Amino acid sequence: MAALRLLKPTAVRELLDAPVFRHEAPWMCFPVLIAALSWAQAPETLPRFEQLPNGLRVCVVEDHALPLVSVQLWYRAGSADDPPQRVGLCHVTRTVLEHREDAALRARAAGVRFESRTLEDACCYVSVLPAELLDYALAIEAQRMRPLKVEPDALQAALAAAARDYGLTPDDPQQQTDRTLRAAMFPNHPYGQPPGFVAAPLRDLTPQAVERFAAQWFTPRNATLFIIGDVSALQVMEAVRTRFAAPAAGDDPPRREPLPSLPEERLELAAPVRTPPAKGGASGTRVLDVAWLTPRLGHFENAALDVLMHRLCNPVDGPLHRRLAELGCTPRWRRETWRDSGMLVLSVDCDPSPRGQRSTDPSPKREHPSPQPEHPSPKRE
């Protein structure tokens, strides 16, 4: 029925001329015609797209269900675009821009719910606010796009905030396991490091390096602005043209080479065992992680993988879940997809009892029952 929503009133005649309406039982088509007429007469509010002269792409979606607006500014720059010797530079630059001229602090003080994230292939700034504060949020995002001048104190504060956001600690086995899996799955590629990770050599980062990275990647021609909520698309587009009228400087950022085909091989890695405290003071659980490479973002096989894993691991009738439950274990899975590749991780949590330990043994020994002496069956009189 969703496809019928695109029908226009002039399309009803074409619908009547279709072969299906010349069927031997035309009454069967009456519900389709009634639905088409109702959808054709209903007003439609479609997303509005526009690209400004400075290259900024804008998308406005009207949604009047609540008196709120979501302003999202996405840059096509992520941790995978870090220079090889500057792992974490994108995350630090995003943090510097977030706190530029106390933008995040002023937004929260005005009642705006604000957050930002660094992903593998993108960075984003997201604000949720009342509709009457939309122009204020647009002014903050336009200010963020201006040429950046980094002060040494601001850079040190961003480095400290980046390390705190990632929260890397030597005793955290979860982060160590994830880093081990990524490094093994994507050797010599930026996907081998999790987004938000800041390498130790980055402590000597200079303000000039951050300014050059921002001028190359955090530009209008490398950004997309989404405005979704209780707005008028025509009025919003006029406000966007006014706020973001500054011309873009520089060239388009370079695009990295596609991920090369990796050889098919099986690796066994020694990773820290996650042992979260269990109820009743138990020592915790043993965990086994298995990872596979998956297709890139948008590939049709990803949907098939989701269906397969839901079928195998669902707790109602999943065959893998049932088999592992018999051994005292529970399966969990997650699939991460990026612009150039993806990764599927299956985790198995087992109890610390000997039964659970046997379930994770890679080469379990079959226990044979000891032979019992044969006793002659008693004769019946």
Protein backbone atom coordinates (compact mmCIF):
# COMPACT_ATOMS: atom_id res chain seq x y z
CA MET A 1 0.00 0.00 0.00
CA ALA A 2 2.98 2.31 0.55
CA ALA A 3 3.66 2.33 -3.19
CA LEU A 4 0.16 3.67 -3.81
CA ARG A 5 0.97 6.77 -1.83
CA LEU A 6 2.93 8.10 -4.79
CA LEU A 7 -0.14 8.02 -7.03
CA LYS A 8 -1.38 11.37 -8.31
CA PRO A 9 -5.02 12.09 -9.29
CA THR A 10 -4.01 11.95 -12.96
CA ALA A 11 -2.79 8.42 -12.45
CA VAL A 12 -6.25 7.04 -11.68
CA ARG A 13 -7.12 6.89 -15.42
CA GLU A 14 -3.94 4.94 -16.09
CA LEU A 15 -4.91 2.64 -13.24
CA LEU A 16 -8.34 2.05 -14.79
CA ASP A 17 -6.73 1.23 -18.14
CA ALA A 18 -4.47 -1.38 -16.58
CA PRO A 19 -5.10 -5.02 -17.58
CA VAL A 20 -5.94 -5.96 -14.02
CA PHE A 21 -9.17 -3.87 -14.19
CA ARG A 22 -10.27 -5.74 -17.32
CA HIS A 23 -10.26 -9.00 -15.35
CA GLU A 24 -13.17 -11.40 -15.56
CA ALA A 25 -14.03 -10.50 -11.94
CA PRO A 26 -13.57 -6.73 -11.77
CA TRP A 27 -15.19 -6.52 -8.31
CA MET A 28 -11.95 -7.95 -6.92
CA CYS A 29 -10.19 -4.69 -7.88
CA PHE A 30 -12.60 -2.29 -6.16
CA PRO A 31 -10.64 -2.23 -2.83
CA VAL A 32 -7.46 -1.36 -4.74
CA LEU A 33 -9.21 1.49 -6.60
CA ILE A 34 -10.74 2.89 -3.39
CA ALA A 35 -7.35 2.82 -1.64
CA ALA A 36 -5.69 4.51 -4.62
CA LEU A 37 -8.29 7.29 -4.65
CA SER A 38 -7.94 7.90 -0.90
CA TRP A 39 -4.15 8.05 -1.08
CA ALA A 40 -4.22 10.23 -4.18
CA GLN A 41 -6.43 12.81 -2.46
CA ALA A 42 -4.41 12.84 0.79
CA PRO A 43 -1.93 15.71 1.15
CA GLU A 44 1.71 14.64 1.12
CA THR A 45 4.69 16.25 2.81
CA LEU A 46 7.81 14.92 1.17
CA PRO A 47 11.37 15.62 2.32
CA ARG A 48 12.91 18.69 0.74
CA PHE A 49 16.47 18.46 -0.55
CA GLU A 50 18.77 21.27 -1.64
CA GLN A 51 22.48 21.86 -2.10
CA LEU A 52 23.80 25.33 -1.28
CA PRO A 53 26.39 27.10 -3.45
CA ASN A 54 29.10 26.30 -0.88
CA GLY A 55 28.40 22.57 -1.28
CA LEU A 56 26.40 21.99 1.92
CA ARG A 57 23.62 19.43 1.39
CA VAL A 58 20.39 20.13 3.27
CA CYS A 59 17.41 17.85 3.95
CA VAL A 60 14.25 19.13 5.69
CA VAL A 61 11.53 16.73 6.85
CA GLU A 62 8.30 18.11 8.30
CA ASP A 63 6.87 16.10 11.18
CA HIS A 64 4.27 17.89 13.28
CA ALA A 65 3.58 15.09 15.74
CA LEU A 66 5.49 16.93 18.51
CA PRO A 67 6.59 20.57 18.93
CA LEU A 68 10.24 19.53 18.71
CA VAL A 69 12.99 19.76 16.09
CA SER A 70 16.06 17.60 15.55
CA VAL A 71 19.04 19.33 13.94
CA GLN A 72 21.72 16.89 12.77
CA LEU A 73 24.96 17.93 11.11
CA TRP A 74 26.87 15.01 9.61
CA TYR A 75 30.42 15.20 8.27
CA ARG A 76 31.78 12.52 5.99
CA ALA A 77 34.90 12.15 8.11
CA GLY A 78 35.47 9.37 10.62
CA SER A 79 38.15 7.45 12.42
CA ALA A 80 38.92 5.57 9.19
CA ASP A 81 40.18 8.87 7.74
CA ASP A 82 42.86 9.30 10.41
CA PRO A 83 46.42 9.50 9.10
CA PRO A 84 48.32 6.27 9.87
CA GLN A 85 50.59 8.02 12.38
CA ARG A 86 47.79 10.11 13.89
CA VAL A 87 45.20 7.59 15.09
CA GLY A 88 42.47 9.53 16.88
CA LEU A 89 42.99 12.86 15.08
CA CYS A 90 39.43 12.93 13.74
CA HIS A 91 37.98 12.28 17.18
CA VAL A 92 40.07 15.03 18.75
CA THR A 93 39.14 17.48 16.00
CA ARG A 94 35.45 16.69 16.46
CA THR A 95 35.83 17.30 20.20
CA VAL A 96 37.57 20.64 19.64
CA LEU A 97 34.73 21.74 17.35
CA GLU A 98 32.13 20.53 19.84
CA HIS A 99 33.45 22.81 22.58
CA ARG A 100 34.42 25.67 20.29
CA GLU A 101 33.48 28.95 21.98
CA ASP A 102 31.55 26.90 24.54
CA ALA A 103 29.00 25.95 21.88
CA ALA A 104 27.91 22.73 23.59
CA LEU A 105 27.67 24.44 26.98
CA ARG A 106 25.59 27.31 25.61
CA ALA A 107 23.29 24.91 23.78
CA ARG A 108 22.60 22.84 26.89
CA ALA A 109 22.07 26.00 28.95
CA ALA A 110 19.40 27.09 26.47
CA GLY A 111 17.48 23.84 26.93
CA VAL A 112 18.90 21.96 23.93
CA ARG A 113 19.60 18.26 24.24
CA PHE A 114 22.95 17.93 22.52
CA GLU A 115 25.34 15.08 21.74
CA SER A 116 28.07 14.27 19.24
CA ARG A 117 29.73 11.08 18.09
CA THR A 118 32.71 9.83 16.14
CA LEU A 119 32.03 6.80 13.95
CA GLU A 120 34.20 4.87 11.54
CA ASP A 121 33.05 6.79 8.45
CA ALA A 122 31.34 9.90 9.85
CA CYS A 123 31.05 12.42 12.66
CA CYS A 124 27.79 13.97 13.79
CA TYR A 125 26.41 16.73 15.98
CA VAL A 126 22.80 16.15 17.05
CA SER A 127 20.52 18.65 18.80
CA VAL A 128 16.92 18.14 19.94
CA LEU A 129 15.17 21.37 20.88
CA PRO A 130 11.84 23.20 20.96
CA ALA A 131 10.78 24.53 17.59
CA GLU A 132 11.19 28.17 18.69
CA LEU A 133 14.95 27.60 19.28
CA LEU A 134 15.66 26.36 15.75
CA ASP A 135 17.35 29.56 14.58
CA TYR A 136 19.57 29.50 17.66
CA ALA A 137 20.72 25.95 16.85
CA LEU A 138 21.37 26.85 13.21
CA ALA A 139 23.55 29.75 14.34
CA ILE A 140 25.65 27.40 16.49
CA GLU A 141 26.16 24.91 13.64
CA ALA A 142 27.04 27.70 11.18
CA GLN A 143 29.58 29.03 13.66
CA ARG A 144 31.09 25.56 13.93
CA MET A 145 31.81 25.58 10.18
CA ARG A 146 33.91 28.72 10.21
CA PRO A 147 37.71 28.41 9.83
CA LEU A 148 39.13 26.98 13.03
CA LYS A 149 41.79 28.56 15.24
CA VAL A 150 42.90 26.17 17.99
CA GLU A 151 44.35 27.41 21.25
CA PRO A 152 46.81 25.12 23.13
CA ASP A 153 44.56 24.99 26.21
CA ALA A 154 41.56 23.98 24.09
CA LEU A 155 43.61 21.21 22.47
CA GLN A 156 44.74 19.80 25.81
CA ALA A 157 41.17 19.88 27.08
CA ALA A 158 40.00 18.03 23.95
CA LEU A 159 42.69 15.37 24.37
CA ALA A 160 41.63 14.82 27.98
CA ALA A 161 37.95 14.69 27.00
CA ALA A 162 38.66 12.26 24.16
CA ALA A 163 40.53 9.89 26.45
CA ARG A 164 37.74 10.16 29.01
CA ASP A 165 35.02 9.50 26.41
CA TYR A 166 36.71 6.36 25.17
CA GLY A 167 37.51 5.24 28.71
CA LEU A 168 40.36 2.92 27.78
CA THR A 169 41.69 1.19 30.86
CA PRO A 170 44.34 -1.55 30.97
CA ASP A 171 42.08 -3.77 33.08
CA ASP A 172 39.02 -3.62 30.80
CA PRO A 173 38.91 -7.00 29.01
CA GLN A 174 35.91 -5.98 26.88
CA GLN A 175 37.82 -3.18 25.16
CA GLN A 176 40.93 -5.30 24.86
CA THR A 177 38.96 -8.09 23.21
CA ASP A 178 37.29 -5.72 20.75
CA ARG A 179 40.63 -4.17 19.83
CA THR A 180 42.16 -7.62 19.36
CA LEU A 181 39.34 -8.71 17.05
CA ARG A 182 39.50 -5.52 14.98
CA ALA A 183 43.27 -5.63 14.62
CA ALA A 184 43.13 -9.26 13.45
CA MET A 185 40.21 -8.75 11.07
CA PHE A 186 41.52 -5.53 9.49
CA PRO A 187 45.33 -5.57 9.53
CA ASN A 188 46.95 -2.39 8.20
CA HIS A 189 43.57 -0.69 7.79
CA PRO A 190 41.90 2.10 9.82
CA TYR A 191 39.00 -0.20 10.70
CA GLY A 192 41.51 -2.06 12.86
CA GLN A 193 41.09 0.61 15.55
CA PRO A 194 37.75 1.37 17.24
CA PRO A 195 36.34 4.88 16.73
CA GLY A 196 37.22 7.24 19.52
CA PHE A 197 40.52 5.52 20.31
CA VAL A 198 43.34 8.02 20.73
CA ALA A 199 46.85 6.63 20.29
CA ALA A 200 49.57 7.58 22.75
CA PRO A 201 51.70 9.50 20.17
CA LEU A 202 48.77 11.89 19.71
CA ARG A 203 49.62 13.50 23.04
CA ASP A 204 52.24 15.54 21.14
CA LEU A 205 49.60 16.82 18.70
CA THR A 206 49.96 20.46 17.69
CA PRO A 207 47.13 22.98 17.19
CA GLN A 208 48.26 23.46 13.60
CA ALA A 209 47.69 19.76 12.81
CA VAL A 210 44.12 19.99 14.11
CA GLU A 211 43.49 23.15 12.10
CA ARG A 212 44.72 21.51 8.89
CA PHE A 213 42.56 18.42 9.46
CA ALA A 214 39.48 20.55 10.16
CA ALA A 215 40.08 22.67 7.06
CA GLN A 216 40.32 19.52 4.96
CA TRP A 217 37.44 17.44 6.32
CA PHE A 218 35.03 19.60 8.38
CA THR A 219 33.86 21.82 5.55
CA PRO A 220 30.41 22.62 4.08
CA ARG A 221 31.05 20.60 0.93
CA ASN A 222 31.78 17.54 3.07
CA ALA A 223 28.68 17.92 5.29
CA THR A 224 24.95 17.18 5.25
CA LEU A 225 22.46 19.06 7.43
CA PHE A 226 19.21 17.34 8.48
CA ILE A 227 16.33 19.27 10.05
CA ILE A 228 13.45 17.07 11.16
CA GLY A 229 10.39 18.07 13.14
CA ASP A 230 7.70 20.70 13.64
CA VAL A 231 8.89 23.14 10.98
CA SER A 232 7.92 24.66 7.68
CA ALA A 233 10.26 23.48 4.96
CA LEU A 234 10.08 26.74 3.01
CA GLN A 235 10.86 28.89 6.03
CA VAL A 236 13.64 26.59 7.21
CA MET A 237 15.36 26.56 3.83
CA GLU A 238 15.34 30.37 3.79
CA ALA A 239 16.91 30.45 7.26
CA VAL A 240 19.55 27.89 6.23
CA ARG A 241 20.52 29.90 3.15
CA THR A 242 21.00 32.95 5.36
CA ARG A 243 22.97 31.26 8.14
CA PHE A 244 25.20 29.12 5.90
CA ALA A 245 25.90 31.63 3.16
CA ALA A 246 29.67 31.72 3.73
CA PRO A 247 31.58 30.34 0.72
CA ALA A 248 33.51 27.11 1.09
CA ALA A 249 37.27 27.20 0.95
CA GLY A 250 39.66 24.55 -0.27
CA ASP A 251 39.19 21.44 -2.36
CA ASP A 252 37.13 18.34 -1.74
CA PRO A 253 38.74 15.98 0.81
CA PRO A 254 40.50 12.94 -0.61
CA ARG A 255 38.72 9.62 -0.71
CA ARG A 256 40.50 6.61 0.69
CA GLU A 257 41.12 3.53 -1.37
CA PRO A 258 38.59 0.67 -1.11
CA LEU A 259 39.38 -2.09 1.32
CA PRO A 260 41.44 -4.76 -0.48
CA SER A 261 40.23 -8.34 -0.55
CA LEU A 262 41.51 -10.17 2.49
CA PRO A 263 42.65 -13.81 2.28
CA GLU A 264 40.41 -16.46 3.72
CA GLU A 265 42.05 -17.84 6.81
CA ARG A 266 41.20 -19.00 10.30
CA LEU A 267 42.89 -17.34 13.23
CA GLU A 268 42.82 -18.32 16.89
CA LEU A 269 43.63 -15.43 19.20
CA ALA A 270 44.38 -15.34 22.88
CA ALA A 271 42.16 -12.61 24.26
CA PRO A 272 41.32 -11.61 27.84
CA VAL A 273 38.39 -13.49 29.32
CA ARG A 274 35.56 -11.25 30.47
CA THR A 275 34.51 -12.20 33.98
CA PRO A 276 31.73 -9.88 35.16
CA PRO A 277 30.54 -10.55 38.69
CA ALA A 278 27.55 -12.84 38.81
CA LYS A 279 24.66 -13.05 41.24
CA GLY A 280 25.30 -14.69 44.55
CA GLY A 281 29.02 -13.91 44.53
CA ALA A 282 29.93 -16.33 41.72
CA SER A 283 33.24 -15.82 39.96
CA GLY A 284 31.67 -14.82 36.65
CA THR A 285 31.32 -16.23 33.14
CA ARG A 286 33.67 -17.46 30.48
CA VAL A 287 33.25 -15.92 27.03
CA LEU A 288 34.08 -17.19 23.56
CA ASP A 289 34.03 -14.69 20.64
CA VAL A 290 33.92 -15.73 16.98
CA ALA A 291 34.14 -13.06 14.26
CA TRP A 292 33.60 -13.11 10.50
CA LEU A 293 34.08 -10.51 7.78
CA THR A 294 30.79 -9.34 6.23
CA PRO A 295 29.88 -7.23 3.16
CA ARG A 296 29.98 -3.45 3.12
CA LEU A 297 27.12 -1.14 4.01
CA GLY A 298 24.13 -1.47 1.68
CA HIS A 299 24.95 -4.96 0.41
CA PHE A 300 21.91 -7.22 0.13
CA GLU A 301 23.63 -10.14 1.88
CA ASN A 302 23.56 -8.24 5.18
CA ALA A 303 19.80 -8.73 5.40
CA ALA A 304 20.25 -12.46 4.86
CA LEU A 305 22.83 -12.56 7.65
CA ASP A 306 20.43 -10.83 10.04
CA VAL A 307 17.69 -13.35 9.28
CA LEU A 308 20.11 -16.25 9.73
CA MET A 309 21.44 -15.06 13.08
CA HIS A 310 17.95 -14.30 14.39
CA ARG A 311 16.91 -17.80 13.41
CA LEU A 312 19.92 -19.45 15.05
CA CYS A 313 20.07 -17.44 18.27
CA ASN A 314 16.48 -16.61 19.18
CA PRO A 315 15.65 -18.01 22.64
CA VAL A 316 12.29 -19.48 21.57
CA ASP A 317 13.23 -22.10 18.97
CA GLY A 318 16.72 -21.15 17.79
CA PRO A 319 18.72 -24.35 17.20
CA LEU A 320 22.04 -22.80 18.24
CA HIS A 321 20.52 -21.26 21.34
CA ARG A 322 18.92 -24.57 22.29
CA ARG A 323 22.14 -26.55 21.81
CA LEU A 324 24.25 -24.09 23.80
CA ALA A 325 21.62 -23.86 26.53
CA GLU A 326 21.99 -27.60 27.03
CA LEU A 327 25.67 -26.95 27.75
CA GLY A 328 24.97 -24.09 30.14
CA CYS A 329 25.78 -21.32 27.64
CA THR A 330 23.98 -18.42 25.98
CA PRO A 331 24.74 -16.99 22.49
CA ARG A 332 24.76 -13.28 21.67
CA TRP A 333 25.57 -11.65 18.36
CA ARG A 334 26.09 -8.27 16.80
CA ARG A 335 26.79 -7.07 13.28
CA GLU A 336 28.69 -3.88 12.49
CA THR A 337 28.63 -2.45 8.98
CA TRP A 338 30.73 0.36 7.52
CA ARG A 339 31.30 2.00 4.18
CA ASP A 340 33.93 -0.49 3.00
CA SER A 341 33.31 -3.65 5.02
CA GLY A 342 31.63 -5.14 8.06
CA MET A 343 32.05 -7.62 10.89
CA LEU A 344 29.79 -10.21 12.52
CA VAL A 345 30.64 -11.25 16.09
CA LEU A 346 29.10 -14.22 17.89
CA SER A 347 29.71 -14.27 21.64
CA VAL A 348 29.04 -17.26 23.87
CA ASP A 349 28.63 -16.75 27.62
CA CYS A 350 29.11 -19.83 29.76
CA ASP A 351 28.75 -20.47 33.45
CA PRO A 352 31.88 -21.12 35.53
CA SER A 353 30.86 -24.64 36.45
CA PRO A 354 32.76 -27.64 35.03
CA ARG A 355 29.87 -28.21 32.65
CA GLY A 356 30.30 -24.72 31.19
CA GLN A 357 34.06 -25.14 30.98
CA ARG A 358 33.70 -28.34 28.98
CA SER A 359 31.44 -26.51 26.51
CA THR A 360 34.24 -24.06 25.58
CA ASP A 361 36.98 -26.68 25.31
CA PRO A 362 38.12 -26.63 21.64
CA SER A 363 38.87 -30.38 21.71
CA PRO A 364 36.60 -31.98 24.30
CA LYS A 365 37.35 -35.51 25.26
CA ARG A 366 34.51 -37.92 25.09
CA GLU A 367 33.97 -39.63 28.42
CA HIS A 368 33.24 -43.32 28.13
CA PRO A 369 31.41 -45.03 30.98
CA SER A 370 33.41 -47.62 32.83
CA PRO A 371 32.40 -51.19 31.95
CA GLN A 372 29.98 -52.79 34.37
CA PRO A 373 30.19 -56.48 35.27
CA GLU A 374 27.60 -58.55 33.56
CA HIS A 375 25.17 -60.31 35.86
CA PRO A 376 23.04 -63.11 34.58
CA SER A 377 19.40 -62.29 34.61
CA PRO A 378 17.49 -64.26 37.23
CA LYS A 379 15.47 -67.14 35.95
CA ARG A 380 11.81 -67.08 36.49
CA GLU A 381 10.34 -70.17 38.07
